[in-house]
Amino acid sequence: MTVQEAPAATPTLTYRAIRVCALQQLTPHLRRISFTGEDLHDFVSVAPDQYVKVFFPLPGQARPQLPPAVAAGDVTSWYRTYLGMPDDIRPPMRTYTIRAHRPEVREIDIDFVLHADSGPASTWAANAAIGQEVALLGPHGLYSVPAGTSWQLLVGDESAIPAIGAILDELPASVCAQVYIEVADLRDRQDFPTAGDVEIRWVPRGAAPHGEAVLDALRTARFPAGSPYAWLSGEAGMVKYTRRHLVRERGVDKRAITFTGYWRLGKSEEDTGRESLRQLDAG
């Protein structure tokens, strides 16, 4: 019998098992957790704001129980399978930025915001210990500066601090950037090393609704001349109204704005995912 060559397998987005190798409390509400693992041997950075899906073990588990791997081009079907897993098996999944990647030692850093609501990811991060395991999928990135850009505008909340820091780390010399970050606690401010010409404004939220303070700051801001590139991330409502302000009131070209809602006020990532699938099914 002749042995025939098997057809090429469909490419997949594979899970990577990683374990905690270092812990650092950066600010009162931001904890950096470093991970390592053999599965990072071919992890390739794709953009300064690159993000991954992180899967956490349920209480009593040593590692998360994962659904089948993701076939390329079939993410929607995979996500339906993930959401269809029984509640007592499905691993909590959240999206996080890769703050730093050290390929020579197979390490990555992820900065976790420690929320007062004690969701599954925040709870895990607050209690993480050396050697504990999680899994990830990714990375993906969005930051992409168009040709002809004169200066950059970065806007976010606490959840966007790691991505903003990573972007500023790689900002070339002489590139001008204005940064607006809304936080509940000014003790969460950080210093970001950068070669760029950067002005950072930390905006205290106070008692105002989420996103209102940073939007007010933008309304009164004096922007440099020329064509900007805007990168907006954080709570979905904040991102929506900030983008609307830039397009309608500042005349920023829609094509020069990268925007993404990292999270939605009052909804979990699973809630948001189910809503997206319902909208997709409804056409």
C-alpha atoms as a PDB file:
ATOM      1  CA  MET A   1       0.000   0.000   0.000  1.00  0.00           C
ATOM      2  CA  THR A   2       1.330   3.367  -0.981  1.00  0.00           C
ATOM      3  CA  VAL A   3       1.718   5.852   1.850  1.00  0.00           C
ATOM      4  CA  GLN A   4       0.246   9.174   0.782  1.00  0.00           C
ATOM      5  CA  GLU A   5       1.223  12.508   2.243  1.00  0.00           C
ATOM      6  CA  ALA A   6      -1.474  13.811   4.570  1.00  0.00           C
ATOM      7  CA  PRO A   7      -3.127  17.067   3.562  1.00  0.00           C
ATOM      8  CA  ALA A   8      -1.781  20.167   5.264  1.00  0.00           C
ATOM      9  CA  ALA A   9      -3.475  20.832   8.577  1.00  0.00           C
ATOM     10  CA  THR A  10      -5.582  23.930   8.985  1.00  0.00           C
ATOM     11  CA  PRO A  11      -3.527  26.547  10.871  1.00  0.00           C
ATOM     12  CA  THR A  12      -4.661  27.115  14.435  1.00  0.00           C
ATOM     13  CA  LEU A  13      -4.213  29.694  17.142  1.00  0.00           C
ATOM     14  CA  THR A  14      -2.730  27.475  19.797  1.00  0.00           C
ATOM     15  CA  TYR A  15      -2.883  27.849  23.546  1.00  0.00           C
ATOM     16  CA  ARG A  16       0.313  28.579  25.437  1.00  0.00           C
ATOM     17  CA  ALA A  17       0.715  27.319  28.983  1.00  0.00           C
ATOM     18  CA  ILE A  18       2.613  29.808  31.137  1.00  0.00           C
ATOM     19  CA  ARG A  19       3.422  30.103  34.822  1.00  0.00           C
ATOM     20  CA  VAL A  20       4.095  32.970  37.212  1.00  0.00           C
ATOM     21  CA  CYS A  21       7.800  33.690  37.721  1.00  0.00           C
ATOM     22  CA  ALA A  22       7.785  37.160  39.352  1.00  0.00           C
ATOM     23  CA  LEU A  23       5.400  39.588  41.075  1.00  0.00           C
ATOM     24  CA  GLN A  24       5.628  43.354  41.524  1.00  0.00           C
ATOM     25  CA  GLN A  25       3.135  45.816  43.013  1.00  0.00           C
ATOM     26  CA  LEU A  26       3.571  48.869  40.768  1.00  0.00           C
ATOM     27  CA  THR A  27       0.907  51.116  42.299  1.00  0.00           C
ATOM     28  CA  PRO A  28      -1.974  50.636  44.752  1.00  0.00           C
ATOM     29  CA  HIS A  29      -4.195  49.236  41.980  1.00  0.00           C
ATOM     30  CA  LEU A  30      -1.752  47.871  39.408  1.00  0.00           C
ATOM     31  CA  ARG A  31       0.171  44.619  39.835  1.00  0.00           C
ATOM     32  CA  ARG A  32       2.773  43.374  37.356  1.00  0.00           C
ATOM     33  CA  ILE A  33       2.958  39.619  36.947  1.00  0.00           C
ATOM     34  CA  SER A  34       5.779  38.062  34.938  1.00  0.00           C
ATOM     35  CA  PHE A  35       5.222  34.730  33.212  1.00  0.00           C
ATOM     36  CA  THR A  36       7.512  32.163  31.665  1.00  0.00           C
ATOM     37  CA  GLY A  37       7.132  28.804  29.937  1.00  0.00           C
ATOM     38  CA  GLU A  38       8.490  26.683  27.107  1.00  0.00           C
ATOM     39  CA  ASP A  39       5.414  27.550  25.041  1.00  0.00           C
ATOM     40  CA  LEU A  40       6.782  31.094  24.686  1.00  0.00           C
ATOM     41  CA  HIS A  41       9.693  29.867  22.563  1.00  0.00           C
ATOM     42  CA  ASP A  42       8.001  31.066  19.344  1.00  0.00           C
ATOM     43  CA  PHE A  43       5.953  33.930  20.770  1.00  0.00           C
ATOM     44  CA  VAL A  44       6.418  36.891  18.407  1.00  0.00           C
ATOM     45  CA  SER A  45       5.541  40.486  19.261  1.00  0.00           C
ATOM     46  CA  VAL A  46       3.204  42.057  16.702  1.00  0.00           C
ATOM     47  CA  ALA A  47       2.620  45.648  17.901  1.00  0.00           C
ATOM     48  CA  PRO A  48       3.342  47.879  20.908  1.00  0.00           C
ATOM     49  CA  ASP A  49      -0.262  47.550  22.123  1.00  0.00           C
ATOM     50  CA  GLN A  50      -0.421  43.782  21.563  1.00  0.00           C
ATOM     51  CA  TYR A  51      -2.973  41.909  23.606  1.00  0.00           C
ATOM     52  CA  VAL A  52      -3.752  38.288  24.448  1.00  0.00           C
ATOM     53  CA  LYS A  53      -6.663  36.288  25.808  1.00  0.00           C
ATOM     54  CA  VAL A  54      -5.724  34.928  29.241  1.00  0.00           C
ATOM     55  CA  PHE A  55      -7.512  31.888  30.692  1.00  0.00           C
ATOM     56  CA  PHE A  56      -7.582  31.431  34.462  1.00  0.00           C
ATOM     57  CA  PRO A  57      -8.156  28.259  36.482  1.00  0.00           C
ATOM     58  CA  LEU A  58     -11.365  27.921  38.445  1.00  0.00           C
ATOM     59  CA  PRO A  59     -11.076  27.657  42.239  1.00  0.00           C
ATOM     60  CA  GLY A  60      -9.525  24.328  43.179  1.00  0.00           C
ATOM     61  CA  GLN A  61      -7.895  23.814  39.761  1.00  0.00           C
ATOM     62  CA  ALA A  62      -4.147  23.799  39.142  1.00  0.00           C
ATOM     63  CA  ARG A  63      -4.628  24.965  35.543  1.00  0.00           C
ATOM     64  CA  PRO A  64      -7.558  26.044  33.349  1.00  0.00           C
ATOM     65  CA  GLN A  65      -9.561  23.431  31.427  1.00  0.00           C
ATOM     66  CA  LEU A  66      -9.517  24.714  27.853  1.00  0.00           C
ATOM     67  CA  PRO A  67     -11.842  24.265  24.860  1.00  0.00           C
ATOM     68  CA  PRO A  68     -10.438  22.873  21.583  1.00  0.00           C
ATOM     69  CA  ALA A  69      -7.844  25.001  19.791  1.00  0.00           C
ATOM     70  CA  VAL A  70      -8.925  27.800  17.478  1.00  0.00           C
ATOM     71  CA  ALA A  71      -8.935  26.978  13.770  1.00  0.00           C
ATOM     72  CA  ALA A  72      -7.740  29.926  11.704  1.00  0.00           C
ATOM     73  CA  GLY A  73     -10.682  31.882  10.340  1.00  0.00           C
ATOM     74  CA  ASP A  74     -13.133  30.147  12.673  1.00  0.00           C
ATOM     75  CA  VAL A  75     -12.936  32.275  15.803  1.00  0.00           C
ATOM     76  CA  THR A  76     -16.720  32.767  16.023  1.00  0.00           C
ATOM     77  CA  SER A  77     -17.366  29.023  16.108  1.00  0.00           C
ATOM     78  CA  TRP A  78     -14.659  28.591  18.740  1.00  0.00           C
ATOM     79  CA  TYR A  79     -16.172  31.355  20.867  1.00  0.00           C
ATOM     80  CA  ARG A  80     -19.599  29.697  20.731  1.00  0.00           C
ATOM     81  CA  THR A  81     -17.979  26.484  21.948  1.00  0.00           C
ATOM     82  CA  TYR A  82     -16.227  28.352  24.751  1.00  0.00           C
ATOM     83  CA  LEU A  83     -19.420  30.088  25.937  1.00  0.00           C
ATOM     84  CA  GLY A  84     -21.280  26.780  25.707  1.00  0.00           C
ATOM     85  CA  MET A  85     -19.022  25.082  28.231  1.00  0.00           C
ATOM     86  CA  PRO A  86     -20.718  24.362  31.595  1.00  0.00           C
ATOM     87  CA  ASP A  87     -20.195  27.106  34.165  1.00  0.00           C
ATOM     88  CA  ASP A  88     -18.317  24.747  36.471  1.00  0.00           C
ATOM     89  CA  ILE A  89     -15.812  23.907  33.707  1.00  0.00           C
ATOM     90  CA  ARG A  90     -15.480  27.015  31.516  1.00  0.00           C
ATOM     91  CA  PRO A  91     -12.310  28.934  32.482  1.00  0.00           C
ATOM     92  CA  PRO A  92     -12.684  32.678  33.055  1.00  0.00           C
ATOM     93  CA  MET A  93     -11.136  34.520  30.114  1.00  0.00           C
ATOM     94  CA  ARG A  94     -10.055  38.162  29.995  1.00  0.00           C
ATOM     95  CA  THR A  95      -8.089  40.302  27.537  1.00  0.00           C
ATOM     96  CA  TYR A  96      -4.768  41.789  28.648  1.00  0.00           C
ATOM     97  CA  THR A  97      -1.924  43.780  27.136  1.00  0.00           C
ATOM     98  CA  ILE A  98       1.591  42.380  26.962  1.00  0.00           C
ATOM     99  CA  ARG A  99       3.471  45.103  28.825  1.00  0.00           C
ATOM    100  CA  ALA A 100       6.903  43.687  27.999  1.00  0.00           C
ATOM    101  CA  HIS A 101       8.327  40.720  26.106  1.00  0.00           C
ATOM    102  CA  ARG A 102      11.792  39.302  26.752  1.00  0.00           C
ATOM    103  CA  PRO A 103      12.176  36.593  24.102  1.00  0.00           C
ATOM    104  CA  GLU A 104      15.756  35.762  25.091  1.00  0.00           C
ATOM    105  CA  VAL A 105      14.528  34.374  28.430  1.00  0.00           C
ATOM    106  CA  ARG A 106      11.002  33.420  27.322  1.00  0.00           C
ATOM    107  CA  GLU A 107       9.233  35.879  29.602  1.00  0.00           C
ATOM    108  CA  ILE A 108       6.335  38.286  29.296  1.00  0.00           C
ATOM    109  CA  ASP A 109       4.922  40.870  31.707  1.00  0.00           C
ATOM    110  CA  ILE A 110       1.215  41.569  32.134  1.00  0.00           C
ATOM    111  CA  ASP A 111      -0.006  44.427  34.331  1.00  0.00           C
ATOM    112  CA  PHE A 112      -3.293  43.676  36.099  1.00  0.00           C
ATOM    113  CA  VAL A 113      -5.665  46.345  37.383  1.00  0.00           C
ATOM    114  CA  LEU A 114      -6.932  45.253  40.795  1.00  0.00           C
ATOM    115  CA  HIS A 115     -10.630  46.135  40.721  1.00  0.00           C
ATOM    116  CA  ALA A 116     -12.821  46.683  43.736  1.00  0.00           C
ATOM    117  CA  ASP A 117     -15.487  44.434  42.165  1.00  0.00           C
ATOM    118  CA  SER A 118     -13.217  41.391  42.618  1.00  0.00           C
ATOM    119  CA  GLY A 119     -13.930  39.784  39.237  1.00  0.00           C
ATOM    120  CA  PRO A 120     -12.261  36.440  38.448  1.00  0.00           C
ATOM    121  CA  ALA A 121      -9.145  37.900  36.808  1.00  0.00           C
ATOM    122  CA  SER A 122      -8.619  40.624  39.411  1.00  0.00           C
ATOM    123  CA  THR A 123      -9.144  38.123  42.223  1.00  0.00           C
ATOM    124  CA  TRP A 124      -6.646  35.713  40.668  1.00  0.00           C
ATOM    125  CA  ALA A 125      -4.063  38.484  40.125  1.00  0.00           C
ATOM    126  CA  ALA A 126      -4.416  39.793  43.672  1.00  0.00           C
ATOM    127  CA  ASN A 127      -3.651  36.324  45.058  1.00  0.00           C
ATOM    128  CA  ALA A 128      -1.221  35.047  42.413  1.00  0.00           C
ATOM    129  CA  ALA A 129       1.870  33.183  43.585  1.00  0.00           C
ATOM    130  CA  ILE A 130       5.072  31.974  41.947  1.00  0.00           C
ATOM    131  CA  GLY A 131       4.493  28.811  39.914  1.00  0.00           C
ATOM    132  CA  GLN A 132       0.752  29.207  39.338  1.00  0.00           C
ATOM    133  CA  GLU A 133      -0.404  28.449  35.784  1.00  0.00           C
ATOM    134  CA  VAL A 134      -2.646  30.166  33.250  1.00  0.00           C
ATOM    135  CA  ALA A 135      -2.969  29.872  29.467  1.00  0.00           C
ATOM    136  CA  LEU A 136      -3.076  32.449  26.697  1.00  0.00           C
ATOM    137  CA  LEU A 137      -4.090  32.908  23.064  1.00  0.00           C
ATOM    138  CA  GLY A 138      -2.582  35.556  20.840  1.00  0.00           C
ATOM    139  CA  PRO A 139      -1.117  38.074  20.406  1.00  0.00           C
ATOM    140  CA  HIS A 140      -2.944  40.645  18.302  1.00  0.00           C
ATOM    141  CA  GLY A 141      -2.222  44.373  17.954  1.00  0.00           C
ATOM    142  CA  LEU A 142      -4.003  47.495  16.717  1.00  0.00           C
ATOM    143  CA  TYR A 143      -1.551  50.405  16.958  1.00  0.00           C
ATOM    144  CA  SER A 144      -0.668  51.527  13.429  1.00  0.00           C
ATOM    145  CA  VAL A 145       0.477  55.063  12.619  1.00  0.00           C
ATOM    146  CA  PRO A 146      -0.512  56.310   9.134  1.00  0.00           C
ATOM    147  CA  ALA A 147       2.034  57.918   6.847  1.00  0.00           C
ATOM    148  CA  GLY A 148       2.005  61.695   7.110  1.00  0.00           C
ATOM    149  CA  THR A 149       1.146  61.782  10.813  1.00  0.00           C
ATOM    150  CA  SER A 150       2.382  64.963  12.527  1.00  0.00           C
ATOM    151  CA  TRP A 151       1.752  63.985  16.150  1.00  0.00           C
ATOM    152  CA  GLN A 152       0.009  61.339  18.250  1.00  0.00           C
ATOM    153  CA  LEU A 153      -2.801  61.424  20.810  1.00  0.00           C
ATOM    154  CA  LEU A 154      -3.124  58.543  23.301  1.00  0.00           C
ATOM    155  CA  VAL A 155      -6.242  58.429  25.496  1.00  0.00           C
ATOM    156  CA  GLY A 156      -7.267  55.781  28.007  1.00  0.00           C
ATOM    157  CA  ASP A 157      -8.251  54.806  31.528  1.00  0.00           C
ATOM    158  CA  GLU A 158      -6.589  52.464  34.037  1.00  0.00           C
ATOM    159  CA  SER A 159      -7.040  49.464  31.760  1.00  0.00           C
ATOM    160  CA  ALA A 160      -5.111  51.232  28.981  1.00  0.00           C
ATOM    161  CA  ILE A 161      -2.084  52.177  31.107  1.00  0.00           C
ATOM    162  CA  PRO A 162      -0.056  49.064  30.153  1.00  0.00           C
ATOM    163  CA  ALA A 163      -0.614  49.573  26.416  1.00  0.00           C
ATOM    164  CA  ILE A 164       0.139  53.297  26.640  1.00  0.00           C
ATOM    165  CA  GLY A 165       3.333  52.502  28.522  1.00  0.00           C
ATOM    166  CA  ALA A 166       4.363  49.947  25.894  1.00  0.00           C
ATOM    167  CA  ILE A 167       3.654  52.415  23.075  1.00  0.00           C
ATOM    168  CA  LEU A 168       5.720  55.125  24.765  1.00  0.00           C
ATOM    169  CA  ASP A 169       8.560  52.648  25.334  1.00  0.00           C
ATOM    170  CA  GLU A 170       8.878  52.266  21.560  1.00  0.00           C
ATOM    171  CA  LEU A 171       8.112  55.851  20.535  1.00  0.00           C
ATOM    172  CA  PRO A 172      10.940  57.112  18.308  1.00  0.00           C
ATOM    173  CA  ALA A 173      12.946  60.188  19.174  1.00  0.00           C
ATOM    174  CA  SER A 174      11.442  63.503  18.060  1.00  0.00           C
ATOM    175  CA  VAL A 175       7.915  62.051  17.742  1.00  0.00           C
ATOM    176  CA  CYS A 176       5.442  64.309  19.543  1.00  0.00           C
ATOM    177  CA  ALA A 177       2.654  62.738  21.606  1.00  0.00           C
ATOM    178  CA  GLN A 178      -0.016  64.014  23.978  1.00  0.00           C
ATOM    179  CA  VAL A 179      -1.326  61.483  26.514  1.00  0.00           C
ATOM    180  CA  TYR A 180      -4.501  61.690  28.604  1.00  0.00           C
ATOM    181  CA  ILE A 181      -5.137  59.005  31.218  1.00  0.00           C
ATOM    182  CA  GLU A 182      -8.178  59.031  33.495  1.00  0.00           C
ATOM    183  CA  VAL A 183      -7.681  57.325  36.868  1.00  0.00           C
ATOM    184  CA  ALA A 184      -9.667  56.972  40.061  1.00  0.00           C
ATOM    185  CA  ASP A 185      -6.550  57.355  42.211  1.00  0.00           C
ATOM    186  CA  LEU A 186      -3.625  59.612  41.299  1.00  0.00           C
ATOM    187  CA  ARG A 187      -1.363  57.272  43.267  1.00  0.00           C
ATOM    188  CA  ASP A 188      -1.623  55.010  40.203  1.00  0.00           C
ATOM    189  CA  ARG A 189       0.478  57.410  38.129  1.00  0.00           C
ATOM    190  CA  GLN A 190       3.627  55.978  36.562  1.00  0.00           C
ATOM    191  CA  ASP A 191       6.752  57.259  34.869  1.00  0.00           C
ATOM    192  CA  PHE A 192       7.223  55.927  31.345  1.00  0.00           C
ATOM    193  CA  PRO A 193      10.692  55.875  29.776  1.00  0.00           C
ATOM    194  CA  THR A 194      10.486  57.200  26.229  1.00  0.00           C
ATOM    195  CA  ALA A 195      12.656  58.798  23.579  1.00  0.00           C
ATOM    196  CA  GLY A 196       9.695  60.781  22.270  1.00  0.00           C
ATOM    197  CA  ASP A 197       8.581  64.321  22.992  1.00  0.00           C
ATOM    198  CA  VAL A 198       5.724  63.365  25.299  1.00  0.00           C
ATOM    199  CA  GLU A 199       3.313  65.340  27.468  1.00  0.00           C
ATOM    200  CA  ILE A 200       1.262  63.215  29.890  1.00  0.00           C
ATOM    201  CA  ARG A 201      -1.794  64.451  31.743  1.00  0.00           C
ATOM    202  CA  TRP A 202      -3.213  62.247  34.488  1.00  0.00           C
ATOM    203  CA  VAL A 203      -6.888  63.113  34.910  1.00  0.00           C
ATOM    204  CA  PRO A 204      -8.538  62.322  38.274  1.00  0.00           C
ATOM    205  CA  ARG A 205     -12.024  60.878  37.842  1.00  0.00           C
ATOM    206  CA  GLY A 206     -13.382  62.094  41.145  1.00  0.00           C
ATOM    207  CA  ALA A 207     -17.125  61.568  41.551  1.00  0.00           C
ATOM    208  CA  ALA A 208     -17.850  62.010  37.834  1.00  0.00           C
ATOM    209  CA  PRO A 209     -19.124  59.122  35.676  1.00  0.00           C
ATOM    210  CA  HIS A 210     -16.420  57.011  34.051  1.00  0.00           C
ATOM    211  CA  GLY A 211     -14.888  58.846  31.076  1.00  0.00           C
ATOM    212  CA  GLU A 212     -16.432  62.247  31.702  1.00  0.00           C
ATOM    213  CA  ALA A 213     -13.333  63.815  33.261  1.00  0.00           C
ATOM    214  CA  VAL A 214     -10.975  62.820  30.465  1.00  0.00           C
ATOM    215  CA  LEU A 215     -13.487  63.978  27.843  1.00  0.00           C
ATOM    216  CA  ASP A 216     -13.741  67.373  29.571  1.00  0.00           C
ATOM    217  CA  ALA A 217      -9.939  67.590  29.574  1.00  0.00           C
ATOM    218  CA  LEU A 218      -9.826  66.872  25.845  1.00  0.00           C
ATOM    219  CA  ARG A 219     -12.454  69.498  25.090  1.00  0.00           C
ATOM    220  CA  THR A 220     -10.229  72.217  26.556  1.00  0.00           C
ATOM    221  CA  ALA A 221      -6.910  70.803  25.328  1.00  0.00           C
ATOM    222  CA  ARG A 222      -4.719  72.734  22.890  1.00  0.00           C
ATOM    223  CA  PHE A 223      -3.601  70.352  20.184  1.00  0.00           C
ATOM    224  CA  PRO A 224      -0.443  70.778  18.077  1.00  0.00           C
ATOM    225  CA  ALA A 225      -0.782  71.775  14.449  1.00  0.00           C
ATOM    226  CA  GLY A 226      -0.769  69.124  11.752  1.00  0.00           C
ATOM    227  CA  SER A 227      -2.389  65.747  11.208  1.00  0.00           C
ATOM    228  CA  PRO A 228      -2.817  63.622  14.348  1.00  0.00           C
ATOM    229  CA  TYR A 229      -3.021  59.882  14.863  1.00  0.00           C
ATOM    230  CA  ALA A 230      -5.301  59.044  17.793  1.00  0.00           C
ATOM    231  CA  TRP A 231      -5.218  55.814  19.803  1.00  0.00           C
ATOM    232  CA  LEU A 232      -8.199  55.421  22.157  1.00  0.00           C
ATOM    233  CA  SER A 233      -8.722  52.495  24.536  1.00  0.00           C
ATOM    234  CA  GLY A 234     -10.478  51.713  27.792  1.00  0.00           C
ATOM    235  CA  GLU A 235     -14.117  51.542  28.847  1.00  0.00           C
ATOM    236  CA  ALA A 236     -16.322  51.270  25.741  1.00  0.00           C
ATOM    237  CA  GLY A 237     -18.506  54.294  26.499  1.00  0.00           C
ATOM    238  CA  MET A 238     -15.492  56.506  27.159  1.00  0.00           C
ATOM    239  CA  VAL A 239     -13.918  55.392  23.880  1.00  0.00           C
ATOM    240  CA  LYS A 240     -17.142  55.996  21.937  1.00  0.00           C
ATOM    241  CA  TYR A 241     -17.649  59.568  23.133  1.00  0.00           C
ATOM    242  CA  THR A 242     -13.976  60.464  22.888  1.00  0.00           C
ATOM    243  CA  ARG A 243     -13.883  59.333  19.265  1.00  0.00           C
ATOM    244  CA  ARG A 244     -17.094  61.247  18.538  1.00  0.00           C
ATOM    245  CA  HIS A 245     -15.569  64.421  20.007  1.00  0.00           C
ATOM    246  CA  LEU A 246     -12.393  64.080  17.950  1.00  0.00           C
ATOM    247  CA  VAL A 247     -14.261  63.491  14.689  1.00  0.00           C
ATOM    248  CA  ARG A 248     -17.140  65.943  15.096  1.00  0.00           C
ATOM    249  CA  GLU A 249     -15.601  68.752  17.119  1.00  0.00           C
ATOM    250  CA  ARG A 250     -11.902  68.499  16.281  1.00  0.00           C
ATOM    251  CA  GLY A 251     -12.108  67.388  12.665  1.00  0.00           C
ATOM    252  CA  VAL A 252      -9.821  64.370  13.105  1.00  0.00           C
ATOM    253  CA  ASP A 253      -9.963  61.972  10.157  1.00  0.00           C
ATOM    254  CA  LYS A 254     -11.781  58.753  11.160  1.00  0.00           C
ATOM    255  CA  ARG A 255      -9.132  56.778   9.309  1.00  0.00           C
ATOM    256  CA  ALA A 256      -6.484  58.190  11.644  1.00  0.00           C
ATOM    257  CA  ILE A 257      -8.148  56.855  14.811  1.00  0.00           C
ATOM    258  CA  THR A 258      -7.553  53.446  16.356  1.00  0.00           C
ATOM    259  CA  PHE A 259     -10.168  52.706  19.012  1.00  0.00           C
ATOM    260  CA  THR A 260     -11.154  49.701  21.072  1.00  0.00           C
ATOM    261  CA  GLY A 261     -13.351  49.139  24.098  1.00  0.00           C
ATOM    262  CA  TYR A 262     -11.296  47.016  26.483  1.00  0.00           C
ATOM    263  CA  TRP A 263     -14.310  46.582  28.744  1.00  0.00           C
ATOM    264  CA  ARG A 264     -17.889  47.772  29.215  1.00  0.00           C
ATOM    265  CA  LEU A 265     -19.233  49.293  32.418  1.00  0.00           C
ATOM    266  CA  GLY A 266     -21.500  46.855  34.256  1.00  0.00           C
ATOM    267  CA  LYS A 267     -20.824  43.921  31.906  1.00  0.00           C
ATOM    268  CA  SER A 268     -18.383  41.025  32.013  1.00  0.00           C
ATOM    269  CA  GLU A 269     -16.398  39.946  28.976  1.00  0.00           C
ATOM    270  CA  GLU A 270     -18.735  36.951  28.646  1.00  0.00           C
ATOM    271  CA  ASP A 271     -21.799  39.252  28.710  1.00  0.00           C
ATOM    272  CA  THR A 272     -20.300  41.415  25.981  1.00  0.00           C
ATOM    273  CA  GLY A 273     -19.373  38.353  23.913  1.00  0.00           C
ATOM    274  CA  ARG A 274     -22.885  36.882  24.107  1.00  0.00           C
ATOM    275  CA  GLU A 275     -24.358  40.224  23.084  1.00  0.00           C
ATOM    276  CA  SER A 276     -22.025  40.399  20.083  1.00  0.00           C
ATOM    277  CA  LEU A 277     -23.037  36.900  19.001  1.00  0.00           C
ATOM    278  CA  ARG A 278     -26.742  37.795  19.278  1.00  0.00           C
ATOM    279  CA  GLN A 279     -26.164  40.832  17.089  1.00  0.00           C
ATOM    280  CA  LEU A 280     -24.242  38.706  14.592  1.00  0.00           C
ATOM    281  CA  ASP A 281     -27.030  36.123  14.460  1.00  0.00           C
ATOM    282  CA  ALA A 282     -29.593  38.897  13.974  1.00  0.00           C
ATOM    283  CA  GLY A 283     -27.680  40.167  10.972  1.00  0.00           C
END
